[in-house]
Amino acid sequence: MSRTKIERRYRKMQADAKAFGAELLTEESIFIDDDHLDCVWYGGHIGGLRYKGYEVSIEVHGDVEIVGFMNGHDFLYKNKQNTGAMNMAASDALRTTFKSDAELWDALNADEEAENKVAFENNSWIEAFVKDPKGHWHGSSVVDDADDVLDACGGISGWIDWLNENYIKEDKA
């Protein structure tokens, strides 16, 4: 299992955070490997940053249910615990059937007549929470453009811009 992409992107996250004067709260070890970056494999806190007294917490939430037909058998995976598919408390059906994001997405995008076809009944998503300098947590924002946890955590300049526009500027007004 390769971690080359993760290692490269993590070094960029570190450099970007330093350039903006932010503290990176994301740990490289949170990412499984380069083949498992879809948020379905993750649950809870995955990263964040601290900037000008504000803290962004990036988290994966959701009740995942995937149904279909795989390898000649009905397939069902449910995880309503917000733990992610790689958590040992979760059913092993997803992690033993699909060895990568690519395999999962091939089955999700397969034609209706395909031998191996699954569909999300429910899915997980990535959210960002903000704690202000006084220690108060603000409501979450869904990260619409990201299912890839590395992308969600790696957009340091985007998170800084978002904080400046939605929180820091408002507090100065």
N, C-alpha and C. Protein backbone atom coordinates (compact mmCIF):
# COMPACT_ATOMS: atom_id res chain seq x y z
N MET A 1 0.84 -1.18 0.00
CA MET A 1 0.00 0.00 0.00
C MET A 1 0.88 1.24 0.00
N SER A 2 0.72 2.02 -1.00
CA SER A 2 1.53 3.21 -1.16
C SER A 2 0.98 4.39 -0.36
N ARG A 3 1.89 5.20 0.13
CA ARG A 3 1.52 6.44 0.82
C ARG A 3 2.24 7.63 0.16
N THR A 4 2.75 7.43 -1.05
CA THR A 4 3.53 8.47 -1.73
C THR A 4 2.73 9.75 -1.91
N LYS A 5 1.51 9.63 -2.40
CA LYS A 5 0.65 10.80 -2.60
C LYS A 5 0.38 11.50 -1.27
N ILE A 6 0.07 10.72 -0.26
CA ILE A 6 -0.20 11.30 1.06
C ILE A 6 1.02 12.04 1.58
N GLU A 7 2.19 11.43 1.50
CA GLU A 7 3.41 12.06 2.01
C GLU A 7 3.70 13.37 1.27
N ARG A 8 3.54 13.36 -0.04
CA ARG A 8 3.78 14.57 -0.85
C ARG A 8 2.79 15.67 -0.47
N ARG A 9 1.51 15.33 -0.42
CA ARG A 9 0.48 16.32 -0.10
C ARG A 9 0.60 16.83 1.33
N TYR A 10 1.01 15.95 2.24
CA TYR A 10 1.16 16.36 3.63
C TYR A 10 2.30 17.38 3.77
N ARG A 11 3.40 17.15 3.08
CA ARG A 11 4.51 18.12 3.11
C ARG A 11 4.04 19.47 2.58
N LYS A 12 3.19 19.46 1.53
CA LYS A 12 2.64 20.71 1.00
C LYS A 12 1.71 21.37 2.03
N MET A 13 0.90 20.59 2.72
CA MET A 13 0.03 21.14 3.77
C MET A 13 0.87 21.84 4.83
N GLN A 14 1.95 21.18 5.25
CA GLN A 14 2.83 21.76 6.27
C GLN A 14 3.43 23.08 5.79
N ALA A 15 3.92 23.09 4.56
CA ALA A 15 4.54 24.30 4.01
C ALA A 15 3.50 25.41 3.86
N ASP A 16 2.32 25.07 3.37
CA ASP A 16 1.27 26.08 3.20
C ASP A 16 0.83 26.65 4.55
N ALA A 17 0.65 25.80 5.54
CA ALA A 17 0.25 26.28 6.87
C ALA A 17 1.32 27.23 7.42
N LYS A 18 2.57 26.85 7.29
CA LYS A 18 3.67 27.69 7.77
C LYS A 18 3.68 29.04 7.04
N ALA A 19 3.48 29.01 5.72
CA ALA A 19 3.49 30.24 4.93
C ALA A 19 2.38 31.21 5.36
N PHE A 20 1.26 30.67 5.79
CA PHE A 20 0.13 31.51 6.23
C PHE A 20 0.18 31.83 7.71
N GLY A 21 1.13 31.28 8.43
CA GLY A 21 1.21 31.50 9.87
C GLY A 21 0.15 30.70 10.61
N ALA A 22 -0.25 29.59 10.05
CA ALA A 22 -1.26 28.73 10.68
C ALA A 22 -0.58 27.51 11.29
N GLU A 23 -1.26 26.91 12.25
CA GLU A 23 -0.79 25.66 12.84
C GLU A 23 -1.61 24.52 12.25
N LEU A 24 -0.95 23.58 11.63
CA LEU A 24 -1.62 22.44 11.04
C LEU A 24 -2.00 21.45 12.13
N LEU A 25 -3.29 21.10 12.20
CA LEU A 25 -3.78 20.14 13.20
C LEU A 25 -4.04 18.77 12.59
N THR A 26 -3.81 18.64 11.31
CA THR A 26 -3.97 17.37 10.61
C THR A 26 -2.71 16.53 10.83
N GLU A 27 -2.89 15.27 11.13
CA GLU A 27 -1.76 14.37 11.29
C GLU A 27 -1.68 13.44 10.08
N GLU A 28 -0.49 13.25 9.59
CA GLU A 28 -0.30 12.40 8.40
C GLU A 28 -0.82 10.98 8.63
N SER A 29 -0.73 10.50 9.84
CA SER A 29 -1.12 9.11 10.15
C SER A 29 -2.63 8.86 10.01
N ILE A 30 -3.45 9.90 9.95
CA ILE A 30 -4.89 9.71 9.84
C ILE A 30 -5.28 9.10 8.49
N PHE A 31 -4.46 9.32 7.47
CA PHE A 31 -4.77 8.85 6.13
C PHE A 31 -4.29 7.40 5.97
N ILE A 32 -5.17 6.53 5.51
CA ILE A 32 -4.92 5.09 5.45
C ILE A 32 -3.81 4.77 4.45
N ASP A 33 -4.08 5.06 3.18
CA ASP A 33 -3.10 4.89 2.11
C ASP A 33 -3.65 5.61 0.87
N ASP A 34 -2.84 5.65 -0.18
CA ASP A 34 -3.22 6.39 -1.39
C ASP A 34 -4.46 5.82 -2.07
N ASP A 35 -4.81 4.57 -1.78
CA ASP A 35 -5.96 3.93 -2.41
C ASP A 35 -7.25 4.06 -1.61
N HIS A 36 -7.17 4.66 -0.43
CA HIS A 36 -8.35 4.79 0.44
C HIS A 36 -8.45 6.23 0.95
N LEU A 37 -8.89 7.11 0.08
CA LEU A 37 -9.02 8.52 0.45
C LEU A 37 -10.45 9.02 0.40
N ASP A 38 -11.38 8.20 -0.08
CA ASP A 38 -12.79 8.58 -0.08
C ASP A 38 -13.28 8.63 1.37
N CYS A 39 -14.17 9.57 1.66
CA CYS A 39 -14.61 9.74 3.04
C CYS A 39 -15.37 8.55 3.60
N VAL A 40 -15.82 7.62 2.77
CA VAL A 40 -16.56 6.45 3.27
C VAL A 40 -15.70 5.59 4.21
N TRP A 41 -14.39 5.65 4.06
CA TRP A 41 -13.50 4.84 4.90
C TRP A 41 -13.23 5.48 6.25
N TYR A 42 -13.61 6.73 6.44
CA TYR A 42 -13.23 7.52 7.61
C TYR A 42 -14.44 7.89 8.45
N GLY A 43 -14.19 8.27 9.68
CA GLY A 43 -15.25 8.75 10.56
C GLY A 43 -14.69 9.68 11.62
N GLY A 44 -15.44 10.72 11.93
CA GLY A 44 -15.03 11.66 12.97
C GLY A 44 -13.97 12.64 12.49
N HIS A 45 -13.20 13.14 13.45
CA HIS A 45 -12.18 14.17 13.19
C HIS A 45 -11.07 13.61 12.29
N ILE A 46 -10.77 14.33 11.20
CA ILE A 46 -9.68 13.91 10.32
C ILE A 46 -8.58 14.96 10.20
N GLY A 47 -8.84 16.19 10.63
CA GLY A 47 -7.79 17.20 10.54
C GLY A 47 -8.30 18.59 10.82
N GLY A 48 -7.47 19.55 10.49
CA GLY A 48 -7.85 20.94 10.69
C GLY A 48 -6.64 21.83 10.80
N LEU A 49 -6.91 23.05 11.25
CA LEU A 49 -5.84 24.03 11.42
C LEU A 49 -6.27 25.08 12.43
N ARG A 50 -5.27 25.80 12.97
CA ARG A 50 -5.50 26.91 13.88
C ARG A 50 -4.89 28.15 13.23
N TYR A 51 -5.68 29.24 13.19
CA TYR A 51 -5.24 30.46 12.51
C TYR A 51 -5.85 31.67 13.20
N LYS A 52 -5.00 32.59 13.65
CA LYS A 52 -5.43 33.83 14.30
C LYS A 52 -6.44 33.56 15.42
N GLY A 53 -6.18 32.51 16.19
CA GLY A 53 -7.03 32.19 17.32
C GLY A 53 -8.25 31.36 16.99
N TYR A 54 -8.50 31.13 15.72
CA TYR A 54 -9.64 30.31 15.28
C TYR A 54 -9.14 28.90 14.98
N GLU A 55 -10.01 27.93 15.22
CA GLU A 55 -9.67 26.55 14.93
C GLU A 55 -10.70 25.96 13.98
N VAL A 56 -10.24 25.37 12.89
CA VAL A 56 -11.11 24.66 11.96
C VAL A 56 -10.92 23.17 12.22
N SER A 57 -12.02 22.48 12.49
CA SER A 57 -12.00 21.04 12.67
C SER A 57 -12.71 20.41 11.47
N ILE A 58 -12.00 19.57 10.74
CA ILE A 58 -12.56 18.91 9.56
C ILE A 58 -12.92 17.49 9.98
N GLU A 59 -14.19 17.13 9.74
CA GLU A 59 -14.71 15.86 10.24
C GLU A 59 -15.54 15.15 9.18
N VAL A 60 -15.60 13.82 9.30
CA VAL A 60 -16.45 13.01 8.43
C VAL A 60 -17.63 12.52 9.24
N HIS A 61 -18.83 12.72 8.71
CA HIS A 61 -20.06 12.28 9.36
C HIS A 61 -20.94 11.55 8.37
N GLY A 62 -21.91 10.82 8.88
CA GLY A 62 -22.89 10.21 8.00
C GLY A 62 -23.25 8.79 8.36
N ASP A 63 -24.41 8.42 7.93
CA ASP A 63 -24.90 7.06 8.06
C ASP A 63 -24.75 6.40 6.70
N VAL A 64 -23.79 5.52 6.57
CA VAL A 64 -23.48 4.92 5.28
C VAL A 64 -24.28 3.63 5.11
N GLU A 65 -24.91 3.51 3.95
CA GLU A 65 -25.56 2.27 3.56
C GLU A 65 -25.33 2.07 2.07
N ILE A 66 -24.70 0.95 1.73
CA ILE A 66 -24.40 0.61 0.35
C ILE A 66 -25.04 -0.75 0.07
N VAL A 67 -25.81 -0.81 -0.99
CA VAL A 67 -26.52 -2.05 -1.33
C VAL A 67 -26.28 -2.40 -2.79
N GLY A 68 -26.42 -3.67 -3.12
CA GLY A 68 -26.28 -4.08 -4.51
C GLY A 68 -25.96 -5.55 -4.63
N PHE A 69 -25.23 -5.87 -5.69
CA PHE A 69 -24.88 -7.25 -6.02
C PHE A 69 -23.40 -7.29 -6.38
N MET A 70 -22.65 -8.10 -5.67
CA MET A 70 -21.20 -8.21 -5.89
C MET A 70 -20.77 -9.67 -5.87
N ASN A 71 -19.98 -10.05 -6.86
CA ASN A 71 -19.37 -11.39 -6.90
C ASN A 71 -20.40 -12.50 -6.72
N GLY A 72 -21.56 -12.32 -7.35
CA GLY A 72 -22.59 -13.34 -7.32
C GLY A 72 -23.45 -13.36 -6.07
N HIS A 73 -23.32 -12.35 -5.22
CA HIS A 73 -24.06 -12.33 -3.95
C HIS A 73 -24.67 -10.95 -3.71
N ASP A 74 -25.78 -10.94 -2.96
CA ASP A 74 -26.32 -9.67 -2.50
C ASP A 74 -25.27 -9.00 -1.63
N PHE A 75 -25.17 -7.69 -1.75
CA PHE A 75 -24.20 -6.94 -0.96
C PHE A 75 -24.94 -5.91 -0.13
N LEU A 76 -24.57 -5.83 1.15
CA LEU A 76 -25.14 -4.83 2.05
C LEU A 76 -24.06 -4.41 3.04
N TYR A 77 -23.86 -3.11 3.13
CA TYR A 77 -22.96 -2.55 4.12
C TYR A 77 -23.69 -1.41 4.80
N LYS A 78 -23.76 -1.45 6.11
CA LYS A 78 -24.36 -0.37 6.90
C LYS A 78 -23.39 0.03 7.99
N ASN A 79 -23.24 1.34 8.16
CA ASN A 79 -22.46 1.88 9.27
C ASN A 79 -23.11 3.19 9.68
N LYS A 80 -23.82 3.16 10.78
CA LYS A 80 -24.50 4.34 11.28
C LYS A 80 -23.81 4.87 12.54
N GLN A 81 -22.54 4.53 12.67
CA GLN A 81 -21.79 4.90 13.88
C GLN A 81 -20.84 6.08 13.68
N ASN A 82 -20.75 6.62 12.47
CA ASN A 82 -19.78 7.69 12.16
C ASN A 82 -18.35 7.26 12.44
N THR A 83 -18.05 5.98 12.22
CA THR A 83 -16.70 5.49 12.51
C THR A 83 -15.86 5.25 11.27
N GLY A 84 -16.48 5.18 10.10
CA GLY A 84 -15.73 4.87 8.89
C GLY A 84 -15.55 3.38 8.72
N ALA A 85 -15.41 2.96 7.49
CA ALA A 85 -15.36 1.53 7.15
C ALA A 85 -14.10 0.83 7.63
N MET A 86 -13.04 1.56 7.88
CA MET A 86 -11.80 0.92 8.32
C MET A 86 -11.76 0.69 9.84
N ASN A 87 -12.72 1.25 10.55
CA ASN A 87 -12.79 1.05 11.99
C ASN A 87 -13.12 -0.42 12.27
N MET A 88 -12.41 -1.03 13.17
CA MET A 88 -12.62 -2.45 13.45
C MET A 88 -13.98 -2.73 14.08
N ALA A 89 -14.65 -1.70 14.60
CA ALA A 89 -15.99 -1.88 15.16
C ALA A 89 -17.05 -1.95 14.06
N ALA A 90 -16.69 -1.51 12.86
CA ALA A 90 -17.62 -1.52 11.73
C ALA A 90 -17.59 -2.88 11.04
N SER A 91 -18.66 -3.18 10.32
CA SER A 91 -18.71 -4.40 9.53
C SER A 91 -17.53 -4.42 8.56
N ASP A 92 -16.97 -5.61 8.32
CA ASP A 92 -15.83 -5.69 7.41
C ASP A 92 -16.24 -5.88 5.95
N ALA A 93 -17.55 -5.87 5.66
CA ALA A 93 -18.03 -6.13 4.29
C ALA A 93 -17.43 -5.18 3.26
N LEU A 94 -17.35 -3.91 3.59
CA LEU A 94 -16.82 -2.94 2.61
C LEU A 94 -15.33 -3.13 2.40
N ARG A 95 -14.59 -3.21 3.47
CA ARG A 95 -13.12 -3.29 3.34
C ARG A 95 -12.63 -4.62 2.79
N THR A 96 -13.43 -5.68 2.91
CA THR A 96 -13.00 -6.96 2.34
C THR A 96 -13.48 -7.14 0.90
N THR A 97 -14.51 -6.42 0.50
CA THR A 97 -15.02 -6.53 -0.88
C THR A 97 -14.30 -5.58 -1.82
N PHE A 98 -14.02 -4.38 -1.36
CA PHE A 98 -13.40 -3.35 -2.19
C PHE A 98 -12.03 -3.01 -1.63
N LYS A 99 -11.00 -3.20 -2.43
CA LYS A 99 -9.62 -2.99 -1.98
C LYS A 99 -9.15 -1.55 -2.18
N SER A 100 -10.01 -0.71 -2.81
CA SER A 100 -9.60 0.67 -3.07
C SER A 100 -10.81 1.52 -3.41
N ASP A 101 -10.60 2.83 -3.41
CA ASP A 101 -11.62 3.76 -3.88
C ASP A 101 -12.03 3.42 -5.31
N ALA A 102 -11.04 3.11 -6.13
CA ALA A 102 -11.31 2.83 -7.56
C ALA A 102 -12.25 1.64 -7.71
N GLU A 103 -12.02 0.57 -6.97
CA GLU A 103 -12.91 -0.60 -7.05
C GLU A 103 -14.32 -0.25 -6.60
N LEU A 104 -14.43 0.49 -5.52
CA LEU A 104 -15.74 0.90 -5.02
C LEU A 104 -16.46 1.77 -6.05
N TRP A 105 -15.76 2.75 -6.58
CA TRP A 105 -16.40 3.67 -7.54
C TRP A 105 -16.71 2.98 -8.87
N ASP A 106 -15.93 1.98 -9.26
CA ASP A 106 -16.28 1.20 -10.46
C ASP A 106 -17.62 0.52 -10.26
N ALA A 107 -17.84 -0.08 -9.09
CA ALA A 107 -19.12 -0.75 -8.81
C ALA A 107 -20.26 0.25 -8.66
N LEU A 108 -19.97 1.41 -8.11
CA LEU A 108 -21.00 2.45 -7.96
C LEU A 108 -21.42 3.03 -9.30
N ASN A 109 -20.48 3.12 -10.24
CA ASN A 109 -20.75 3.73 -11.54
C ASN A 109 -21.05 2.71 -12.64
N ALA A 110 -21.15 1.44 -12.29
CA ALA A 110 -21.39 0.39 -13.29
C ALA A 110 -22.79 0.52 -13.89
N ASP A 111 -22.92 0.04 -15.13
CA ASP A 111 -24.23 0.02 -15.80
C ASP A 111 -25.20 -0.85 -15.01
N GLU A 112 -26.47 -0.58 -15.18
CA GLU A 112 -27.51 -1.34 -14.47
C GLU A 112 -27.40 -2.84 -14.70
N GLU A 113 -26.97 -3.24 -15.89
CA GLU A 113 -26.88 -4.66 -16.24
C GLU A 113 -25.58 -5.32 -15.76
N ALA A 114 -24.69 -4.56 -15.18
CA ALA A 114 -23.39 -5.09 -14.77
C ALA A 114 -23.53 -6.17 -13.71
N GLU A 115 -22.60 -7.11 -13.75
CA GLU A 115 -22.59 -8.20 -12.78
C GLU A 115 -22.33 -7.69 -11.36
N ASN A 116 -21.44 -6.73 -11.25
CA ASN A 116 -21.11 -6.14 -9.97
C ASN A 116 -21.57 -4.68 -9.96
N LYS A 117 -22.60 -4.40 -9.17
CA LYS A 117 -23.19 -3.06 -9.14
C LYS A 117 -23.69 -2.79 -7.72
N VAL A 118 -23.28 -1.65 -7.16
CA VAL A 118 -23.79 -1.22 -5.86
C VAL A 118 -24.23 0.23 -5.96
N ALA A 119 -24.97 0.66 -4.95
CA ALA A 119 -25.44 2.04 -4.91
C ALA A 119 -25.45 2.51 -3.46
N PHE A 120 -25.19 3.79 -3.28
CA PHE A 120 -25.31 4.40 -1.95
C PHE A 120 -26.78 4.62 -1.67
N GLU A 121 -27.25 4.11 -0.55
CA GLU A 121 -28.57 4.48 -0.04
C GLU A 121 -28.40 5.72 0.83
N ASN A 122 -27.34 5.75 1.58
CA ASN A 122 -26.91 6.90 2.37
C ASN A 122 -25.39 6.93 2.29
N ASN A 123 -24.83 8.09 2.51
CA ASN A 123 -23.39 8.20 2.39
C ASN A 123 -22.85 9.11 3.48
N SER A 124 -21.56 9.13 3.63
CA SER A 124 -20.90 10.05 4.56
C SER A 124 -20.53 11.32 3.81
N TRP A 125 -20.19 12.34 4.57
CA TRP A 125 -19.82 13.62 3.99
C TRP A 125 -18.80 14.29 4.91
N ILE A 126 -18.18 15.33 4.41
CA ILE A 126 -17.15 16.04 5.17
C ILE A 126 -17.74 17.37 5.62
N GLU A 127 -17.52 17.70 6.89
CA GLU A 127 -18.00 18.96 7.47
C GLU A 127 -16.84 19.69 8.13
N ALA A 128 -16.99 21.01 8.21
CA ALA A 128 -16.01 21.82 8.92
C ALA A 128 -16.71 22.55 10.06
N PHE A 129 -16.09 22.51 11.23
CA PHE A 129 -16.58 23.23 12.40
C PHE A 129 -15.55 24.27 12.77
N VAL A 130 -15.99 25.39 13.33
CA VAL A 130 -15.07 26.47 13.69
C VAL A 130 -15.22 26.81 15.17
N LYS A 131 -14.08 26.90 15.85
CA LYS A 131 -14.05 27.39 17.22
C LYS A 131 -13.41 28.77 17.20
N ASP A 132 -14.10 29.75 17.78
CA ASP A 132 -13.57 31.11 17.78
C ASP A 132 -12.57 31.29 18.93
N PRO A 133 -11.88 32.44 18.98
CA PRO A 133 -10.86 32.64 20.01
C PRO A 133 -11.40 32.59 21.44
N LYS A 134 -12.71 32.78 21.62
CA LYS A 134 -13.31 32.70 22.95
C LYS A 134 -13.67 31.27 23.34
N GLY A 135 -13.43 30.32 22.42
CA GLY A 135 -13.69 28.92 22.72
C GLY A 135 -15.08 28.44 22.35
N HIS A 136 -15.85 29.28 21.65
CA HIS A 136 -17.20 28.90 21.25
C HIS A 136 -17.17 28.21 19.89
N TRP A 137 -17.85 27.06 19.82
CA TRP A 137 -17.96 26.34 18.54
C TRP A 137 -19.14 26.89 17.76
N HIS A 138 -18.95 27.04 16.46
CA HIS A 138 -20.00 27.53 15.56
C HIS A 138 -20.54 26.36 14.75
N GLY A 139 -21.72 26.54 14.19
CA GLY A 139 -22.35 25.50 13.37
C GLY A 139 -21.44 25.01 12.27
N SER A 140 -21.75 23.85 11.79
CA SER A 140 -20.89 23.23 10.78
C SER A 140 -21.25 23.69 9.38
N SER A 141 -20.31 23.51 8.49
CA SER A 141 -20.51 23.74 7.07
C SER A 141 -20.12 22.48 6.33
N VAL A 142 -20.99 22.02 5.44
CA VAL A 142 -20.68 20.84 4.64
C VAL A 142 -19.69 21.23 3.56
N VAL A 143 -18.67 20.42 3.39
CA VAL A 143 -17.65 20.65 2.37
C VAL A 143 -18.16 19.96 1.09
N ASP A 144 -18.94 20.70 0.31
CA ASP A 144 -19.65 20.13 -0.85
C ASP A 144 -18.73 19.57 -1.92
N ASP A 145 -17.60 20.18 -2.10
CA ASP A 145 -16.74 19.83 -3.23
C ASP A 145 -15.78 18.68 -2.96
N ALA A 146 -15.87 18.06 -1.79
CA ALA A 146 -14.86 17.06 -1.48
C ALA A 146 -15.45 15.78 -0.91
N ASP A 147 -15.09 14.66 -1.52
CA ASP A 147 -15.30 13.35 -0.93
C ASP A 147 -13.96 12.75 -0.56
N ASP A 148 -12.90 13.36 -1.03
CA ASP A 148 -11.53 12.90 -0.81
C ASP A 148 -11.01 13.61 0.45
N VAL A 149 -10.67 12.84 1.48
CA VAL A 149 -10.26 13.45 2.74
C VAL A 149 -8.95 14.21 2.62
N LEU A 150 -8.07 13.77 1.75
CA LEU A 150 -6.81 14.47 1.55
C LEU A 150 -7.05 15.84 0.91
N ASP A 151 -7.96 15.89 -0.07
CA ASP A 151 -8.32 17.17 -0.67
C ASP A 151 -8.97 18.10 0.35
N ALA A 152 -9.86 17.56 1.17
CA ALA A 152 -10.56 18.38 2.17
C ALA A 152 -9.58 18.99 3.17
N CYS A 153 -8.62 18.21 3.61
CA CYS A 153 -7.65 18.71 4.59
C CYS A 153 -6.55 19.54 3.95
N GLY A 154 -6.28 19.29 2.68
CA GLY A 154 -5.12 19.89 2.04
C GLY A 154 -5.28 21.28 1.48
N GLY A 155 -6.49 21.78 1.42
CA GLY A 155 -6.72 23.11 0.84
C GLY A 155 -6.49 24.23 1.84
N ILE A 156 -5.27 24.36 2.33
CA ILE A 156 -4.96 25.32 3.39
C ILE A 156 -5.33 26.74 3.00
N SER A 157 -4.95 27.19 1.81
CA SER A 157 -5.27 28.57 1.41
C SER A 157 -6.78 28.77 1.34
N GLY A 158 -7.52 27.76 0.90
CA GLY A 158 -8.97 27.85 0.85
C GLY A 158 -9.58 27.98 2.24
N TRP A 159 -9.05 27.20 3.20
CA TRP A 159 -9.56 27.30 4.57
C TRP A 159 -9.23 28.66 5.19
N ILE A 160 -8.05 29.18 4.91
CA ILE A 160 -7.68 30.51 5.42
C ILE A 160 -8.62 31.57 4.83
N ASP A 161 -8.85 31.51 3.51
CA ASP A 161 -9.77 32.46 2.87
C ASP A 161 -11.17 32.34 3.47
N TRP A 162 -11.63 31.12 3.68
CA TRP A 162 -12.96 30.88 4.24
C TRP A 162 -13.07 31.44 5.65
N LEU A 163 -12.05 31.22 6.48
CA LEU A 163 -12.05 31.79 7.83
C LEU A 163 -12.08 33.31 7.79
N ASN A 164 -11.21 33.89 6.94
CA ASN A 164 -11.16 35.35 6.83
C ASN A 164 -12.50 35.93 6.40
N GLU A 165 -13.12 35.31 5.44
CA GLU A 165 -14.37 35.82 4.88
C GLU A 165 -15.56 35.61 5.81
N ASN A 166 -15.62 34.46 6.47
CA ASN A 166 -16.82 34.11 7.23
C ASN A 166 -16.74 34.32 8.73
N TYR A 167 -15.54 34.44 9.28
CA TYR A 167 -15.43 34.55 10.73
C TYR A 167 -14.56 35.72 11.18
N ILE A 168 -13.35 35.79 10.68
CA ILE A 168 -12.43 36.82 11.15
C ILE A 168 -12.92 38.21 10.78
N LYS A 169 -13.32 38.39 9.53
CA LYS A 169 -13.83 39.69 9.07
C LYS A 169 -15.07 40.09 9.87
N GLU A 170 -15.98 39.14 10.11
CA GLU A 170 -17.21 39.43 10.85
C GLU A 170 -16.93 39.86 12.28
N ASP A 171 -15.93 39.24 12.91
CA ASP A 171 -15.60 39.59 14.29
C ASP A 171 -14.97 40.97 14.39
N LYS A 172 -14.33 41.44 13.32
CA LYS A 172 -13.70 42.76 13.32
C LYS A 172 -14.70 43.86 13.01
N ALA A 173 -15.85 43.50 12.44
CA ALA A 173 -16.86 44.50 12.05
C ALA A 173 -17.55 45.09 13.26
